Amino acid sequence: MKDLRGFLMPKQVEAMIESCDNLRDRVLIRLLWRTGMRISELVRPGKDRSPVLGLRVSNILWDENALIIRHAKRKDNPPRRIDIDPETLAMVKEYLEKRTDKSEFVIPITRQMAYLVVRQAAERIGITEVGDRLVSKRRHPHPHHLRHSLAVHSVRVTGGNYADLIRLQSQLGHASIATTAGYVQFSDEEQRKWYDDLWKEKKEEGG
């Protein structure tokens, strides 16, 4: 998935969530968006996948607003703790209380089904492609775009200083800060404003 680029704005993600006709799908998108976890860290793993993958109900630290996550790419599969906001956690609790499936997994569906949930939710609000066609061939809305979106949102809110990138690295579970920095993207308009602002003071001085 290294060629996946592009991100969604917060209002777009919230609209995707609202477009879902069932609580499970709303929880799935909300969890990906608000935590930045990988899809393999959330849904039930396939038979050929690592047995430690997938978010289990027992991985939820209800009183601490946190989750315990494992990822197969790390050789020793060390668990990491990530934060989750109370509103999303309340939605998860409501979903778990209402569902008839008492699986140990919070979202007991396959990755393929999760891809479809995200793609269809985006298409329902008119989003059929994400990112720049010059950068990526895979532009259909994808769960990983929600992970990218959290990274972009984090930088916009915090200003993206080094300390905040370290915190984002911990939340996303990257081994290297360089990987985290690679997730940070900006729109063409934002890039243009940044460039113009570099020379604004000099133009004023020259005038």
C-alpha atoms as a PDB file:
ATOM      1  CA  MET A   1       0.000   0.000   0.000  1.00  0.00           C
ATOM      2  CA  LYS A   2       2.991   2.334  -0.211  1.00  0.00           C
ATOM      3  CA  ASP A   3       1.623   4.130  -3.242  1.00  0.00           C
ATOM      4  CA  LEU A   4      -1.569   5.150  -1.443  1.00  0.00           C
ATOM      5  CA  ARG A   5      -1.737   8.922  -1.224  1.00  0.00           C
ATOM      6  CA  GLY A   6      -4.405  11.456  -0.436  1.00  0.00           C
ATOM      7  CA  PHE A   7      -6.560  12.289   2.536  1.00  0.00           C
ATOM      8  CA  LEU A   8     -10.100  13.232   3.485  1.00  0.00           C
ATOM      9  CA  MET A   9     -11.211  16.331   5.345  1.00  0.00           C
ATOM     10  CA  PRO A  10     -12.877  15.867   8.762  1.00  0.00           C
ATOM     11  CA  LYS A  11     -16.278  16.966   7.426  1.00  0.00           C
ATOM     12  CA  GLN A  12     -16.023  14.389   4.649  1.00  0.00           C
ATOM     13  CA  VAL A  13     -15.254  11.586   7.084  1.00  0.00           C
ATOM     14  CA  GLU A  14     -18.117  12.616   9.354  1.00  0.00           C
ATOM     15  CA  ALA A  15     -20.428  12.622   6.326  1.00  0.00           C
ATOM     16  CA  MET A  16     -19.238   9.111   5.434  1.00  0.00           C
ATOM     17  CA  ILE A  17     -20.087   7.961   8.947  1.00  0.00           C
ATOM     18  CA  GLU A  18     -23.536   9.529   8.785  1.00  0.00           C
ATOM     19  CA  SER A  19     -24.194   7.848   5.436  1.00  0.00           C
ATOM     20  CA  CYS A  20     -23.903   4.350   6.944  1.00  0.00           C
ATOM     21  CA  ASP A  21     -27.173   2.573   7.643  1.00  0.00           C
ATOM     22  CA  ASN A  22     -25.871   0.432  10.511  1.00  0.00           C
ATOM     23  CA  LEU A  23     -23.947   1.052  13.705  1.00  0.00           C
ATOM     24  CA  ARG A  24     -21.173  -1.449  12.952  1.00  0.00           C
ATOM     25  CA  ASP A  25     -20.086   0.365   9.804  1.00  0.00           C
ATOM     26  CA  ARG A  26     -20.225   3.728  11.555  1.00  0.00           C
ATOM     27  CA  VAL A  27     -18.039   2.371  14.344  1.00  0.00           C
ATOM     28  CA  LEU A  28     -15.575   0.874  11.845  1.00  0.00           C
ATOM     29  CA  ILE A  29     -15.022   4.169  10.007  1.00  0.00           C
ATOM     30  CA  ARG A  30     -14.969   6.190  13.206  1.00  0.00           C
ATOM     31  CA  LEU A  31     -12.341   3.924  14.782  1.00  0.00           C
ATOM     32  CA  LEU A  32     -10.077   4.098  11.725  1.00  0.00           C
ATOM     33  CA  TRP A  33     -10.438   7.872  11.551  1.00  0.00           C
ATOM     34  CA  ARG A  34     -10.126   8.747  15.242  1.00  0.00           C
ATOM     35  CA  THR A  35      -7.314   6.307  16.128  1.00  0.00           C
ATOM     36  CA  GLY A  36      -5.335   5.989  12.885  1.00  0.00           C
ATOM     37  CA  MET A  37      -4.998   2.233  13.330  1.00  0.00           C
ATOM     38  CA  ARG A  38      -4.302  -0.025  10.370  1.00  0.00           C
ATOM     39  CA  ILE A  39      -7.205  -2.051   9.004  1.00  0.00           C
ATOM     40  CA  SER A  40      -5.346  -5.267   9.906  1.00  0.00           C
ATOM     41  CA  GLU A  41      -5.153  -4.041  13.496  1.00  0.00           C
ATOM     42  CA  LEU A  42      -8.916  -3.566  13.657  1.00  0.00           C
ATOM     43  CA  VAL A  43     -10.868  -6.293  11.860  1.00  0.00           C
ATOM     44  CA  ARG A  44     -10.877 -10.053  12.357  1.00  0.00           C
ATOM     45  CA  PRO A  45      -7.742 -11.631  10.815  1.00  0.00           C
ATOM     46  CA  GLY A  46      -7.998 -14.202   8.043  1.00  0.00           C
ATOM     47  CA  LYS A  47      -6.839 -17.774   8.459  1.00  0.00           C
ATOM     48  CA  ASP A  48      -3.475 -16.950   6.907  1.00  0.00           C
ATOM     49  CA  ARG A  49      -2.922 -13.894   9.095  1.00  0.00           C
ATOM     50  CA  SER A  50      -1.108 -13.499  12.387  1.00  0.00           C
ATOM     51  CA  PRO A  51      -3.233 -14.706  15.300  1.00  0.00           C
ATOM     52  CA  VAL A  52      -2.439 -11.542  17.301  1.00  0.00           C
ATOM     53  CA  LEU A  53      -4.102  -9.211  14.777  1.00  0.00           C
ATOM     54  CA  GLY A  54      -7.561  -7.708  15.127  1.00  0.00           C
ATOM     55  CA  LEU A  55      -8.940  -5.523  17.907  1.00  0.00           C
ATOM     56  CA  ARG A  56     -10.515  -7.666  20.614  1.00  0.00           C
ATOM     57  CA  VAL A  57     -13.039  -6.490  23.175  1.00  0.00           C
ATOM     58  CA  SER A  58     -10.469  -7.398  25.824  1.00  0.00           C
ATOM     59  CA  ASN A  59      -8.057  -4.889  24.215  1.00  0.00           C
ATOM     60  CA  ILE A  60     -10.268  -1.957  25.233  1.00  0.00           C
ATOM     61  CA  LEU A  61      -9.191  -0.059  28.360  1.00  0.00           C
ATOM     62  CA  TRP A  62     -12.587   1.463  29.117  1.00  0.00           C
ATOM     63  CA  ASP A  63     -11.576   3.515  32.145  1.00  0.00           C
ATOM     64  CA  GLU A  64      -8.481   4.915  30.456  1.00  0.00           C
ATOM     65  CA  ASN A  65      -9.871   5.825  27.009  1.00  0.00           C
ATOM     66  CA  ALA A  66      -7.214   3.673  25.376  1.00  0.00           C
ATOM     67  CA  LEU A  67      -6.729   0.573  23.217  1.00  0.00           C
ATOM     68  CA  ILE A  68      -4.021  -2.092  23.123  1.00  0.00           C
ATOM     69  CA  ILE A  69      -2.883  -2.743  19.549  1.00  0.00           C
ATOM     70  CA  ARG A  70      -0.581  -5.287  17.921  1.00  0.00           C
ATOM     71  CA  HIS A  71       0.816  -5.233  14.387  1.00  0.00           C
ATOM     72  CA  ALA A  72       2.252  -8.115  12.342  1.00  0.00           C
ATOM     73  CA  LYS A  73       4.987  -6.083  10.600  1.00  0.00           C
ATOM     74  CA  ARG A  74       6.954  -5.742  13.815  1.00  0.00           C
ATOM     75  CA  LYS A  75       9.057  -8.908  14.197  1.00  0.00           C
ATOM     76  CA  ASP A  76       8.379  -9.362  17.894  1.00  0.00           C
ATOM     77  CA  ASN A  77       4.793  -8.068  17.690  1.00  0.00           C
ATOM     78  CA  PRO A  78       5.162  -5.724  20.660  1.00  0.00           C
ATOM     79  CA  PRO A  79       1.817  -4.312  21.804  1.00  0.00           C
ATOM     80  CA  ARG A  80       1.334  -0.578  21.842  1.00  0.00           C
ATOM     81  CA  ARG A  81      -1.163   1.555  23.676  1.00  0.00           C
ATOM     82  CA  ILE A  82      -3.062   4.191  21.691  1.00  0.00           C
ATOM     83  CA  ASP A  83      -5.552   6.834  22.743  1.00  0.00           C
ATOM     84  CA  ILE A  84      -9.201   7.037  21.772  1.00  0.00           C
ATOM     85  CA  ASP A  85     -11.648   9.859  22.420  1.00  0.00           C
ATOM     86  CA  PRO A  86     -14.560   9.290  24.851  1.00  0.00           C
ATOM     87  CA  GLU A  87     -17.229   9.942  22.200  1.00  0.00           C
ATOM     88  CA  THR A  88     -15.891   7.220  19.913  1.00  0.00           C
ATOM     89  CA  LEU A  89     -15.513   4.846  22.841  1.00  0.00           C
ATOM     90  CA  ALA A  90     -19.142   5.477  23.809  1.00  0.00           C
ATOM     91  CA  MET A  91     -20.173   4.598  20.250  1.00  0.00           C
ATOM     92  CA  VAL A  92     -18.170   1.361  20.470  1.00  0.00           C
ATOM     93  CA  LYS A  93     -19.838   0.496  23.773  1.00  0.00           C
ATOM     94  CA  GLU A  94     -23.297   1.099  22.333  1.00  0.00           C
ATOM     95  CA  TYR A  95     -22.504  -1.082  19.330  1.00  0.00           C
ATOM     96  CA  LEU A  96     -21.152  -3.932  21.460  1.00  0.00           C
ATOM     97  CA  GLU A  97     -24.225  -3.847  23.685  1.00  0.00           C
ATOM     98  CA  LYS A  98     -26.633  -3.954  20.745  1.00  0.00           C
ATOM     99  CA  ARG A  99     -24.981  -6.472  18.440  1.00  0.00           C
ATOM    100  CA  THR A 100     -26.168 -10.071  18.438  1.00  0.00           C
ATOM    101  CA  ASP A 101     -22.760 -11.452  17.434  1.00  0.00           C
ATOM    102  CA  LYS A 102     -20.767 -11.935  20.641  1.00  0.00           C
ATOM    103  CA  SER A 103     -17.427 -12.395  18.870  1.00  0.00           C
ATOM    104  CA  GLU A 104     -14.215 -11.679  20.760  1.00  0.00           C
ATOM    105  CA  PHE A 105     -13.396  -9.194  17.979  1.00  0.00           C
ATOM    106  CA  VAL A 106     -14.846  -5.681  18.041  1.00  0.00           C
ATOM    107  CA  ILE A 107     -15.324  -5.699  14.253  1.00  0.00           C
ATOM    108  CA  PRO A 108     -15.677  -9.396  13.273  1.00  0.00           C
ATOM    109  CA  ILE A 109     -15.544  -8.929   9.501  1.00  0.00           C
ATOM    110  CA  THR A 110     -12.864  -9.540   6.875  1.00  0.00           C
ATOM    111  CA  ARG A 111     -10.535  -6.903   5.474  1.00  0.00           C
ATOM    112  CA  GLN A 112     -12.258  -7.222   2.097  1.00  0.00           C
ATOM    113  CA  MET A 113     -15.611  -6.387   3.688  1.00  0.00           C
ATOM    114  CA  ALA A 114     -14.044  -3.441   5.507  1.00  0.00           C
ATOM    115  CA  TYR A 115     -12.621  -2.105   2.225  1.00  0.00           C
ATOM    116  CA  LEU A 116     -16.122  -2.269   0.752  1.00  0.00           C
ATOM    117  CA  VAL A 117     -17.685  -0.473   3.732  1.00  0.00           C
ATOM    118  CA  VAL A 118     -15.260   2.448   3.417  1.00  0.00           C
ATOM    119  CA  ARG A 119     -15.485   2.655  -0.358  1.00  0.00           C
ATOM    120  CA  GLN A 120     -19.280   2.572  -0.441  1.00  0.00           C
ATOM    121  CA  ALA A 121     -19.577   5.152   2.349  1.00  0.00           C
ATOM    122  CA  ALA A 122     -17.329   7.520   0.393  1.00  0.00           C
ATOM    123  CA  GLU A 123     -19.225   6.927  -2.833  1.00  0.00           C
ATOM    124  CA  ARG A 124     -22.542   7.675  -1.112  1.00  0.00           C
ATOM    125  CA  ILE A 125     -21.326  11.228  -0.434  1.00  0.00           C
ATOM    126  CA  GLY A 126     -19.907  11.622  -3.927  1.00  0.00           C
ATOM    127  CA  ILE A 127     -16.242  10.683  -3.352  1.00  0.00           C
ATOM    128  CA  THR A 128     -15.050   8.125  -5.888  1.00  0.00           C
ATOM    129  CA  GLU A 129     -11.345   9.015  -5.949  1.00  0.00           C
ATOM    130  CA  VAL A 130      -8.883  10.287  -3.344  1.00  0.00           C
ATOM    131  CA  GLY A 131      -5.499  11.873  -3.930  1.00  0.00           C
ATOM    132  CA  ASP A 132      -3.498  12.958  -6.943  1.00  0.00           C
ATOM    133  CA  ARG A 133      -3.586  10.774 -10.058  1.00  0.00           C
ATOM    134  CA  LEU A 134      -0.007  11.832 -10.817  1.00  0.00           C
ATOM    135  CA  VAL A 135       1.168  10.299  -7.530  1.00  0.00           C
ATOM    136  CA  SER A 136      -0.934   7.181  -7.043  1.00  0.00           C
ATOM    137  CA  LYS A 137      -2.667   4.608  -9.191  1.00  0.00           C
ATOM    138  CA  ARG A 138      -4.794   3.389  -6.262  1.00  0.00           C
ATOM    139  CA  ARG A 139      -7.242   6.217  -5.814  1.00  0.00           C
ATOM    140  CA  HIS A 140     -10.430   4.443  -4.781  1.00  0.00           C
ATOM    141  CA  PRO A 141     -11.436   5.351  -1.210  1.00  0.00           C
ATOM    142  CA  HIS A 142      -9.621   2.934   1.082  1.00  0.00           C
ATOM    143  CA  PRO A 143      -9.310   2.355   4.861  1.00  0.00           C
ATOM    144  CA  HIS A 144      -5.702   3.556   4.716  1.00  0.00           C
ATOM    145  CA  HIS A 145      -6.898   6.975   3.535  1.00  0.00           C
ATOM    146  CA  LEU A 146      -8.492   7.404   6.968  1.00  0.00           C
ATOM    147  CA  ARG A 147      -5.115   6.747   8.593  1.00  0.00           C
ATOM    148  CA  HIS A 148      -3.559   9.376   6.330  1.00  0.00           C
ATOM    149  CA  SER A 149      -6.388  11.739   7.213  1.00  0.00           C
ATOM    150  CA  LEU A 150      -5.670  11.525  10.932  1.00  0.00           C
ATOM    151  CA  ALA A 151      -2.003  12.336  10.270  1.00  0.00           C
ATOM    152  CA  VAL A 152      -2.893  15.401   8.208  1.00  0.00           C
ATOM    153  CA  HIS A 153      -5.493  16.551  10.744  1.00  0.00           C
ATOM    154  CA  SER A 154      -2.972  16.163  13.566  1.00  0.00           C
ATOM    155  CA  VAL A 155      -0.425  18.397  11.844  1.00  0.00           C
ATOM    156  CA  ARG A 156      -3.050  21.023  11.044  1.00  0.00           C
ATOM    157  CA  VAL A 157      -4.270  21.195  14.632  1.00  0.00           C
ATOM    158  CA  THR A 158      -0.913  21.015  16.423  1.00  0.00           C
ATOM    159  CA  GLY A 159       1.274  22.860  13.941  1.00  0.00           C
ATOM    160  CA  GLY A 160       3.387  19.779  13.255  1.00  0.00           C
ATOM    161  CA  ASN A 161       6.392  20.518  15.458  1.00  0.00           C
ATOM    162  CA  TYR A 162       8.831  17.697  16.152  1.00  0.00           C
ATOM    163  CA  ALA A 163       7.364  16.784  19.543  1.00  0.00           C
ATOM    164  CA  ASP A 164       3.894  16.458  18.039  1.00  0.00           C
ATOM    165  CA  LEU A 165       5.248  14.286  15.218  1.00  0.00           C
ATOM    166  CA  ILE A 166       6.753  11.986  17.875  1.00  0.00           C
ATOM    167  CA  ARG A 167       3.335  11.719  19.513  1.00  0.00           C
ATOM    168  CA  LEU A 168       1.730  11.005  16.148  1.00  0.00           C
ATOM    169  CA  GLN A 169       4.399   8.368  15.469  1.00  0.00           C
ATOM    170  CA  SER A 170       3.450   6.620  18.709  1.00  0.00           C
ATOM    171  CA  GLN A 171      -0.259   6.713  17.877  1.00  0.00           C
ATOM    172  CA  LEU A 172       0.277   5.314  14.370  1.00  0.00           C
ATOM    173  CA  GLY A 173       2.820   2.719  15.478  1.00  0.00           C
ATOM    174  CA  HIS A 174       5.626   3.685  13.084  1.00  0.00           C
ATOM    175  CA  ALA A 175       9.134   2.433  13.809  1.00  0.00           C
ATOM    176  CA  SER A 176      10.641   5.548  12.213  1.00  0.00           C
ATOM    177  CA  ILE A 177       9.705   9.228  12.463  1.00  0.00           C
ATOM    178  CA  ALA A 178      10.544   9.467   8.757  1.00  0.00           C
ATOM    179  CA  THR A 179       7.622   7.154   7.982  1.00  0.00           C
ATOM    180  CA  THR A 180       5.300   9.375  10.016  1.00  0.00           C
ATOM    181  CA  ALA A 181       6.527  12.494   8.228  1.00  0.00           C
ATOM    182  CA  GLY A 182       5.787  10.773   4.920  1.00  0.00           C
ATOM    183  CA  TYR A 183       2.115  10.576   5.837  1.00  0.00           C
ATOM    184  CA  VAL A 184       1.823  14.344   6.154  1.00  0.00           C
ATOM    185  CA  GLN A 185       0.279  15.858   3.059  1.00  0.00           C
ATOM    186  CA  PHE A 186      -1.215  19.170   2.052  1.00  0.00           C
ATOM    187  CA  SER A 187      -3.628  20.361  -0.586  1.00  0.00           C
ATOM    188  CA  ASP A 188      -2.374  22.356  -3.577  1.00  0.00           C
ATOM    189  CA  GLU A 189      -3.937  25.477  -2.044  1.00  0.00           C
ATOM    190  CA  GLU A 190      -2.127  24.952   1.268  1.00  0.00           C
ATOM    191  CA  GLN A 191       1.174  24.370  -0.502  1.00  0.00           C
ATOM    192  CA  ARG A 192       0.683  27.553  -2.519  1.00  0.00           C
ATOM    193  CA  LYS A 193      -0.131  29.605   0.571  1.00  0.00           C
ATOM    194  CA  TRP A 194       2.976  28.278   2.338  1.00  0.00           C
ATOM    195  CA  TYR A 195       5.155  29.282  -0.598  1.00  0.00           C
ATOM    196  CA  ASP A 196       3.590  32.718  -0.992  1.00  0.00           C
ATOM    197  CA  ASP A 197       3.957  33.387   2.743  1.00  0.00           C
ATOM    198  CA  LEU A 198       7.695  32.749   2.464  1.00  0.00           C
ATOM    199  CA  TRP A 199       8.055  35.853   0.310  1.00  0.00           C
ATOM    200  CA  LYS A 200       5.276  38.049   1.645  1.00  0.00           C
ATOM    201  CA  GLU A 201       7.522  39.933   4.069  1.00  0.00           C
ATOM    202  CA  LYS A 202      10.210  40.543   1.448  1.00  0.00           C
ATOM    203  CA  LYS A 203       7.631  41.923  -0.968  1.00  0.00           C
ATOM    204  CA  GLU A 204       6.379  44.311   1.687  1.00  0.00           C
ATOM    205  CA  GLU A 205       9.937  45.401   2.512  1.00  0.00           C
ATOM    206  CA  GLY A 206      10.698  45.981  -1.159  1.00  0.00           C
ATOM    207  CA  GLY A 207       7.601  48.103  -1.593  1.00  0.00           C
END
